[in-house]
N, C-alpha and C. Protein backbone atom coordinates (compact mmCIF):
# COMPACT_ATOMS: atom_id res chain seq x y z
N UNK A 1 22.72 20.82 -5.72
CA UNK A 1 23.02 21.23 -6.99
C UNK A 1 24.52 20.97 -7.19
N UNK A 2 24.85 20.28 -8.02
CA UNK A 2 26.25 20.03 -8.65
C UNK A 2 26.83 21.31 -8.88
N UNK A 3 28.30 21.57 -8.26
CA UNK A 3 29.05 22.61 -9.00
C UNK A 3 29.05 22.45 -10.31
N UNK A 4 29.33 23.67 -11.17
CA UNK A 4 29.72 23.34 -12.62
C UNK A 4 31.06 23.61 -12.62
N UNK A 5 31.95 22.66 -13.26
CA UNK A 5 33.34 22.64 -13.39
C UNK A 5 33.75 23.97 -14.27
N UNK A 6 33.03 24.14 -15.35
CA UNK A 6 33.61 25.39 -16.20
C UNK A 6 33.61 26.80 -15.36
N UNK A 7 32.82 26.67 -14.42
CA UNK A 7 32.65 28.14 -13.49
C UNK A 7 33.62 28.45 -12.32
N UNK A 8 34.58 27.24 -12.40
CA UNK A 8 35.62 27.23 -11.42
C UNK A 8 36.90 27.75 -11.81
N UNK A 9 37.53 28.53 -10.75
CA UNK A 9 38.73 29.18 -11.24
C UNK A 9 39.77 28.74 -10.18
N UNK A 10 41.26 28.40 -10.34
CA UNK A 10 41.99 28.07 -9.56
C UNK A 10 42.05 29.25 -8.55
N UNK A 11 42.04 28.82 -7.14
CA UNK A 11 42.12 29.73 -6.03
C UNK A 11 40.88 30.07 -5.69
N UNK A 12 39.68 29.65 -6.24
CA UNK A 12 38.30 30.10 -5.63
C UNK A 12 38.15 29.19 -4.29
N UNK A 13 37.54 29.85 -3.42
CA UNK A 13 37.00 29.21 -2.28
C UNK A 13 35.74 28.64 -2.46
N UNK A 14 35.62 27.50 -2.21
CA UNK A 14 34.43 26.68 -2.48
C UNK A 14 33.64 26.20 -1.16
N UNK A 15 34.38 26.34 -0.09
CA UNK A 15 33.85 25.82 1.20
C UNK A 15 34.79 26.25 2.24
N UNK A 16 34.07 26.56 3.44
CA UNK A 16 34.57 26.71 4.57
C UNK A 16 34.08 26.24 5.75
N UNK A 17 34.61 25.87 6.69
CA UNK A 17 33.89 25.40 8.04
C UNK A 17 34.70 25.20 9.18
N UNK A 18 34.14 25.11 10.49
CA UNK A 18 34.76 25.24 11.63
C UNK A 18 34.25 24.06 12.23
N UNK A 19 34.86 23.24 12.92
CA UNK A 19 34.48 21.93 13.98
C UNK A 19 34.92 22.10 15.18
N UNK A 20 33.93 22.20 16.07
CA UNK A 20 34.29 22.30 17.49
C UNK A 20 34.44 20.80 18.11
N UNK A 21 35.57 20.51 18.75
CA UNK A 21 35.89 19.31 19.16
C UNK A 21 35.80 19.35 20.88
N UNK A 22 35.29 18.41 21.50
CA UNK A 22 35.20 18.16 22.84
C UNK A 22 35.99 16.70 23.21
N UNK A 23 36.11 16.37 24.56
CA UNK A 23 36.58 15.27 24.94
C UNK A 23 35.41 14.42 24.90
N UNK A 24 34.20 14.84 24.85
CA UNK A 24 33.03 13.83 24.48
C UNK A 24 33.08 13.39 22.95
N UNK A 25 33.49 14.37 22.24
CA UNK A 25 33.64 14.01 20.74
C UNK A 25 34.63 13.05 20.50
N UNK A 26 35.69 13.03 21.21
CA UNK A 26 36.88 11.97 21.11
C UNK A 26 36.39 10.62 21.52
N UNK A 27 35.54 10.46 22.59
CA UNK A 27 35.11 9.37 23.13
C UNK A 27 34.10 8.54 22.10
N UNK A 28 33.25 9.48 21.65
CA UNK A 28 32.19 9.13 20.69
C UNK A 28 32.98 8.57 19.44
N UNK A 29 33.94 9.30 18.86
CA UNK A 29 34.54 8.78 17.89
C UNK A 29 35.30 7.64 18.25
N UNK A 30 36.04 7.23 19.21
CA UNK A 30 36.75 6.08 19.70
C UNK A 30 35.62 4.96 19.71
N UNK A 31 34.54 5.21 19.98
CA UNK A 31 33.45 4.13 19.98
C UNK A 31 33.09 3.85 18.78
N UNK A 32 32.85 4.65 17.85
CA UNK A 32 32.64 4.29 16.40
C UNK A 32 33.63 3.84 15.51
N UNK A 33 34.96 4.16 15.99
CA UNK A 33 36.17 3.63 15.07
C UNK A 33 36.64 2.17 15.65
N UNK A 34 36.54 2.14 17.05
CA UNK A 34 37.18 1.13 17.66
C UNK A 34 38.53 1.42 18.06
N UNK A 35 39.08 2.87 17.95
CA UNK A 35 40.15 3.20 18.28
C UNK A 35 40.22 3.84 19.74
N UNK A 36 40.66 2.97 20.72
CA UNK A 36 40.33 3.26 22.16
C UNK A 36 41.90 3.62 22.83
N UNK A 37 42.81 4.10 21.96
CA UNK A 37 44.08 4.34 22.35
C UNK A 37 43.85 5.57 23.37
N UNK A 38 44.38 5.30 24.43
CA UNK A 38 43.90 6.12 25.89
C UNK A 38 44.78 7.60 25.60
N UNK A 39 45.62 7.87 24.58
CA UNK A 39 46.12 9.10 24.49
C UNK A 39 45.02 10.10 23.94
N UNK A 40 43.80 9.44 23.50
CA UNK A 40 42.83 10.33 22.99
C UNK A 40 41.73 10.57 24.12
N UNK A 41 41.98 10.33 25.14
CA UNK A 41 40.95 10.62 26.37
C UNK A 41 41.63 10.79 27.77
N UNK A 42 42.93 10.37 28.00
CA UNK A 42 43.60 10.44 29.31
C UNK A 42 44.88 11.29 29.22
N UNK A 43 44.93 12.43 29.70
CA UNK A 43 45.99 13.45 29.93
C UNK A 43 47.15 12.92 30.32
N UNK A 44 47.18 11.83 31.47
CA UNK A 44 48.30 11.18 32.17
C UNK A 44 48.94 10.31 31.23
N UNK A 45 48.24 9.53 30.25
CA UNK A 45 48.86 8.77 29.25
C UNK A 45 49.40 9.55 28.37
N UNK A 46 48.75 10.51 27.76
CA UNK A 46 49.10 11.14 26.75
C UNK A 46 50.68 11.80 27.07
N UNK A 47 50.77 12.47 28.16
CA UNK A 47 51.86 12.93 28.75
C UNK A 47 52.99 12.15 29.10
N UNK A 48 52.56 10.65 29.20
CA UNK A 48 53.66 9.63 29.69
C UNK A 48 54.42 9.42 28.45
N UNK A 49 53.83 9.58 27.21
CA UNK A 49 54.40 9.33 25.83
C UNK A 49 54.94 10.60 25.32
N UNK A 50 54.84 11.71 26.08
CA UNK A 50 55.61 12.78 25.60
C UNK A 50 54.56 13.86 24.86
N UNK A 51 53.48 13.70 25.15
CA UNK A 51 52.39 14.71 24.50
C UNK A 51 52.13 15.72 25.50
N UNK A 52 51.70 16.86 24.99
CA UNK A 52 51.26 18.03 26.06
C UNK A 52 49.79 17.57 26.63
N UNK A 53 49.20 16.82 25.94
CA UNK A 53 47.95 16.58 26.46
C UNK A 53 47.17 15.56 25.34
N UNK A 54 45.71 15.18 25.64
CA UNK A 54 44.99 14.64 24.87
C UNK A 54 44.97 15.18 23.55
N UNK A 55 45.00 14.18 22.61
CA UNK A 55 44.98 14.83 21.18
C UNK A 55 43.61 14.06 20.48
N UNK A 56 43.28 14.68 19.44
CA UNK A 56 42.29 14.16 18.68
C UNK A 56 42.83 13.05 17.50
N UNK A 57 41.93 12.14 17.34
CA UNK A 57 42.24 10.97 16.53
C UNK A 57 42.60 11.63 15.01
N UNK A 58 43.71 11.20 14.53
CA UNK A 58 43.95 11.78 12.99
C UNK A 58 43.13 11.43 12.07
N UNK A 59 42.43 10.27 12.12
CA UNK A 59 41.40 10.02 11.11
C UNK A 59 40.18 10.77 11.27
N UNK A 60 39.92 11.25 12.47
CA UNK A 60 38.84 12.10 12.99
C UNK A 60 38.89 13.49 12.29
N UNK A 61 40.27 14.07 12.41
CA UNK A 61 40.57 15.27 11.84
C UNK A 61 40.33 15.31 10.22
N UNK A 62 40.91 14.08 9.94
CA UNK A 62 40.89 13.91 8.33
C UNK A 62 39.46 13.98 7.89
N UNK A 63 38.70 13.09 8.55
CA UNK A 63 37.24 13.03 8.06
C UNK A 63 36.36 14.42 8.20
N UNK A 64 36.85 15.12 9.39
CA UNK A 64 36.04 16.31 9.45
C UNK A 64 36.53 17.36 8.26
N UNK A 65 37.80 17.36 7.91
CA UNK A 65 38.27 18.23 7.08
C UNK A 65 37.67 18.10 5.54
N UNK A 66 37.33 16.90 5.23
CA UNK A 66 36.93 16.57 3.88
C UNK A 66 35.30 16.90 3.75
N UNK A 67 34.67 16.97 4.99
CA UNK A 67 33.24 17.08 5.06
C UNK A 67 32.68 18.49 4.01
N UNK A 68 33.19 19.56 4.27
CA UNK A 68 32.79 20.56 3.58
C UNK A 68 33.00 20.51 2.05
N UNK A 69 33.89 19.82 1.55
CA UNK A 69 33.92 19.31 0.15
C UNK A 69 32.97 18.40 -0.21
N UNK A 70 32.42 17.49 0.70
CA UNK A 70 31.32 16.55 0.12
C UNK A 70 30.07 17.34 0.18
N UNK A 71 29.94 18.30 1.25
CA UNK A 71 28.77 19.19 1.29
C UNK A 71 28.63 19.82 0.05
N UNK A 72 29.85 20.58 -0.60
CA UNK A 72 29.71 21.42 -1.88
C UNK A 72 29.67 20.57 -2.90
N UNK A 73 30.30 19.42 -3.08
CA UNK A 73 29.99 18.43 -4.26
C UNK A 73 28.64 17.79 -4.27
N UNK A 74 27.91 17.74 -3.14
CA UNK A 74 26.51 17.28 -3.32
C UNK A 74 26.27 15.87 -3.26
N UNK A 75 27.48 15.02 -3.29
CA UNK A 75 27.41 13.73 -3.12
C UNK A 75 28.64 13.11 -2.71
N UNK A 76 28.79 12.29 -1.80
CA UNK A 76 30.05 11.77 -1.37
C UNK A 76 30.88 11.01 -2.39
N UNK A 77 29.88 10.29 -3.26
CA UNK A 77 30.32 9.38 -4.36
C UNK A 77 31.40 10.30 -5.32
N UNK A 78 31.03 11.80 -5.42
CA UNK A 78 31.93 12.53 -6.36
C UNK A 78 33.38 12.81 -5.88
N UNK A 79 33.78 12.32 -4.63
CA UNK A 79 35.15 12.42 -4.24
C UNK A 79 35.61 11.28 -4.61
N UNK A 80 36.51 11.18 -5.67
CA UNK A 80 37.33 10.24 -6.17
C UNK A 80 38.53 9.65 -5.33
N UNK A 81 39.12 10.65 -4.74
CA UNK A 81 40.52 10.61 -3.97
C UNK A 81 40.48 11.55 -3.08
N UNK A 82 41.28 11.31 -1.81
CA UNK A 82 41.46 12.25 -0.75
C UNK A 82 42.72 11.79 -0.17
N UNK A 83 43.66 12.59 -0.02
CA UNK A 83 45.04 12.20 0.56
C UNK A 83 45.52 13.43 1.45
N UNK A 84 45.94 13.26 2.75
CA UNK A 84 46.58 14.18 3.62
C UNK A 84 47.75 13.60 4.14
N UNK A 85 48.50 14.75 4.59
CA UNK A 85 49.77 14.43 5.49
C UNK A 85 49.43 14.90 6.86
N UNK A 86 49.74 14.05 7.93
CA UNK A 86 49.43 14.65 9.24
C UNK A 86 50.67 15.37 9.59
N UNK A 87 50.46 16.68 9.84
CA UNK A 87 51.63 17.51 10.29
C UNK A 87 51.71 17.98 11.68
N UNK A 88 50.55 17.96 12.11
CA UNK A 88 50.54 18.43 13.88
C UNK A 88 49.42 17.94 14.43
N UNK A 89 49.58 17.67 15.55
CA UNK A 89 48.37 17.07 16.47
C UNK A 89 47.40 18.27 16.64
N UNK A 90 46.19 17.74 16.88
CA UNK A 90 45.04 18.65 17.48
C UNK A 90 44.83 18.32 18.89
N UNK A 91 45.42 19.09 19.91
CA UNK A 91 45.20 18.94 21.29
C UNK A 91 43.69 19.24 21.56
N UNK A 92 42.95 18.51 22.30
CA UNK A 92 41.72 18.77 22.89
C UNK A 92 41.54 19.10 24.33
N UNK A 93 41.53 20.42 24.64
CA UNK A 93 41.62 20.77 26.09
C UNK A 93 40.43 20.22 26.86
N UNK A 94 40.54 19.71 28.03
CA UNK A 94 39.35 19.16 28.75
C UNK A 94 38.36 20.15 29.14
N UNK A 95 38.66 21.65 29.28
CA UNK A 95 37.66 22.70 29.51
C UNK A 95 37.02 23.33 28.23
N UNK A 96 38.18 23.68 27.33
CA UNK A 96 37.97 24.49 26.24
C UNK A 96 37.90 23.78 24.88
N UNK A 97 38.15 22.51 24.88
CA UNK A 97 38.08 21.62 23.68
C UNK A 97 39.07 22.23 22.67
N UNK A 98 38.63 22.03 21.28
CA UNK A 98 39.50 22.50 20.14
C UNK A 98 38.62 23.03 18.97
N UNK A 99 39.19 23.90 18.23
CA UNK A 99 38.35 23.96 17.02
C UNK A 99 39.42 23.94 15.79
N UNK A 100 38.85 23.07 14.84
CA UNK A 100 39.66 22.85 13.52
C UNK A 100 38.92 23.49 12.34
N UNK A 101 39.76 24.35 11.82
CA UNK A 101 39.20 25.19 10.79
C UNK A 101 39.47 24.76 9.26
N UNK A 102 38.68 24.78 8.33
CA UNK A 102 38.88 24.22 7.15
C UNK A 102 38.30 25.25 5.73
N UNK A 103 39.34 25.44 4.84
CA UNK A 103 39.11 26.20 3.87
C UNK A 103 39.43 25.46 2.49
N UNK A 104 38.56 25.33 1.59
CA UNK A 104 38.66 24.35 0.60
C UNK A 104 38.65 25.22 -0.77
N UNK A 105 39.88 24.96 -1.34
CA UNK A 105 40.08 26.19 -2.45
C UNK A 105 40.23 25.15 -3.88
N UNK A 106 39.84 25.77 -5.05
CA UNK A 106 40.12 25.05 -6.08
C UNK A 106 41.70 25.14 -6.38
N UNK A 107 42.34 23.87 -6.59
CA UNK A 107 43.79 23.91 -6.95
C UNK A 107 44.02 23.50 -8.35
N UNK A 108 43.02 22.99 -8.88
CA UNK A 108 43.23 22.52 -10.37
C UNK A 108 41.98 22.32 -10.86
N UNK A 109 41.80 22.36 -12.28
CA UNK A 109 40.56 22.04 -13.09
C UNK A 109 41.23 21.22 -14.27
N UNK A 110 40.59 20.10 -14.37
CA UNK A 110 40.78 19.36 -15.41
C UNK A 110 39.40 19.15 -16.38
N UNK A 111 39.39 19.99 -17.24
CA UNK A 111 38.24 19.87 -17.96
C UNK A 111 38.02 18.73 -18.96
N UNK A 112 39.01 18.19 -19.26
CA UNK A 112 38.76 16.81 -20.08
C UNK A 112 38.30 15.68 -19.32
N UNK A 113 38.83 15.67 -18.12
CA UNK A 113 38.47 14.43 -17.11
C UNK A 113 37.19 14.91 -16.28
N UNK A 114 36.86 16.13 -16.50
CA UNK A 114 35.71 16.70 -15.51
C UNK A 114 35.96 16.46 -14.06
N UNK A 115 37.12 16.88 -13.66
CA UNK A 115 37.66 16.59 -12.15
C UNK A 115 38.18 18.08 -11.99
N UNK A 116 38.01 18.38 -10.63
CA UNK A 116 38.51 19.50 -9.86
C UNK A 116 39.38 18.99 -8.78
N UNK A 117 40.65 19.44 -8.61
CA UNK A 117 41.40 18.99 -7.38
C UNK A 117 40.97 20.20 -6.41
N UNK A 118 40.50 19.90 -5.23
CA UNK A 118 40.38 21.00 -4.16
C UNK A 118 41.38 20.69 -3.08
N UNK A 119 42.05 21.96 -2.91
CA UNK A 119 43.08 21.79 -1.77
C UNK A 119 42.52 22.30 -0.60
N UNK A 120 42.69 21.61 0.53
CA UNK A 120 42.23 22.00 1.81
C UNK A 120 43.39 22.55 2.83
N UNK A 121 43.14 23.54 3.39
CA UNK A 121 43.78 24.24 4.41
C UNK A 121 43.21 23.98 5.68
N UNK A 122 43.82 23.03 6.59
CA UNK A 122 43.11 22.64 7.59
C UNK A 122 44.05 23.08 8.89
N UNK A 123 43.45 23.96 9.70
CA UNK A 123 44.34 24.31 10.86
C UNK A 123 43.59 24.37 12.30
N UNK A 124 44.46 24.38 13.30
CA UNK A 124 44.05 24.30 14.69
C UNK A 124 44.88 25.49 15.36
N UNK A 125 44.37 26.37 15.94
CA UNK A 125 45.06 27.47 16.74
C UNK A 125 46.14 28.15 15.82
N UNK A 126 45.56 28.28 14.55
CA UNK A 126 46.37 29.09 13.59
C UNK A 126 47.60 28.06 12.88
N UNK A 127 47.63 27.06 13.26
CA UNK A 127 48.88 26.24 12.61
C UNK A 127 48.07 25.10 11.74
N UNK A 128 48.87 24.89 10.74
CA UNK A 128 48.23 23.85 9.74
C UNK A 128 48.52 22.51 10.52
N UNK A 129 47.31 21.58 10.35
CA UNK A 129 47.52 20.37 10.94
C UNK A 129 47.44 19.32 9.89
N UNK A 130 46.92 19.40 8.64
CA UNK A 130 47.08 18.43 7.71
C UNK A 130 47.73 19.16 6.56
N UNK A 131 48.82 18.29 6.08
CA UNK A 131 49.65 19.28 4.89
C UNK A 131 49.10 18.47 3.60
N UNK A 132 49.29 19.14 2.62
CA UNK A 132 48.99 18.57 1.20
C UNK A 132 47.57 17.91 1.25
N UNK A 133 46.63 18.26 1.86
CA UNK A 133 45.40 17.97 2.04
C UNK A 133 44.56 18.34 0.59
N UNK A 134 44.47 17.16 -0.20
CA UNK A 134 43.78 17.61 -1.46
C UNK A 134 42.70 16.37 -1.66
N UNK A 135 41.51 16.81 -2.49
CA UNK A 135 40.43 15.96 -2.67
C UNK A 135 40.32 16.03 -4.34
N UNK A 136 40.15 14.88 -4.86
CA UNK A 136 39.89 14.91 -6.39
C UNK A 136 38.42 14.72 -6.45
N UNK A 137 37.59 15.68 -7.10
CA UNK A 137 36.02 15.74 -7.31
C UNK A 137 35.74 15.44 -8.42
N UNK A 138 34.94 14.60 -9.00
CA UNK A 138 34.16 14.36 -10.35
C UNK A 138 32.97 15.36 -10.23
N UNK A 139 33.10 16.22 -11.15
CA UNK A 139 31.95 17.18 -11.42
C UNK A 139 31.29 16.91 -12.84
N UNK A 140 31.18 15.58 -13.26
CA UNK A 140 30.70 15.16 -14.63
C UNK A 140 29.28 15.20 -14.37
C-alpha cells in the first residue's frame, strides 16, 4: 500500500531497521559488486593502510540504508533520488560482526510535486556513518 502524502508530517518516523553484517556478508557483497579490495576482508591489509580493521563497503552500507524507505514506499521506482555523505566507516569484527541501524523520518513534504523527502539517520555503534542521507520519494 502506497503511503499517503497528505498524511505525512515533518518529523514522522516512517521506517526503522537494523542490519547485521558479518565477514561473510562482505565477501558475498564483494562477489556481487566486483569490489574485491582486501580492506573489506583482511585485517592485516586494512591495518597496513591505517584502518583499525576490516570495514564494510560504503556502497553496501548505502544500499542497506535505503532499503527501509523502499519497503515503506512499496516500489523501488518511487525513489527518485538518493544521496549520502560517507562520514565514518563501519568496522566489521571477525567474531561479533557489526549492526547498522537506520531510522527514516519525513524531512519535507512537497504537496504540489507529490514528493516526500525522507531523511535517514544511519548509525553504527551509536555514531552516524552516513551524513545528509536523503531520499526523495514520489507518492503520486
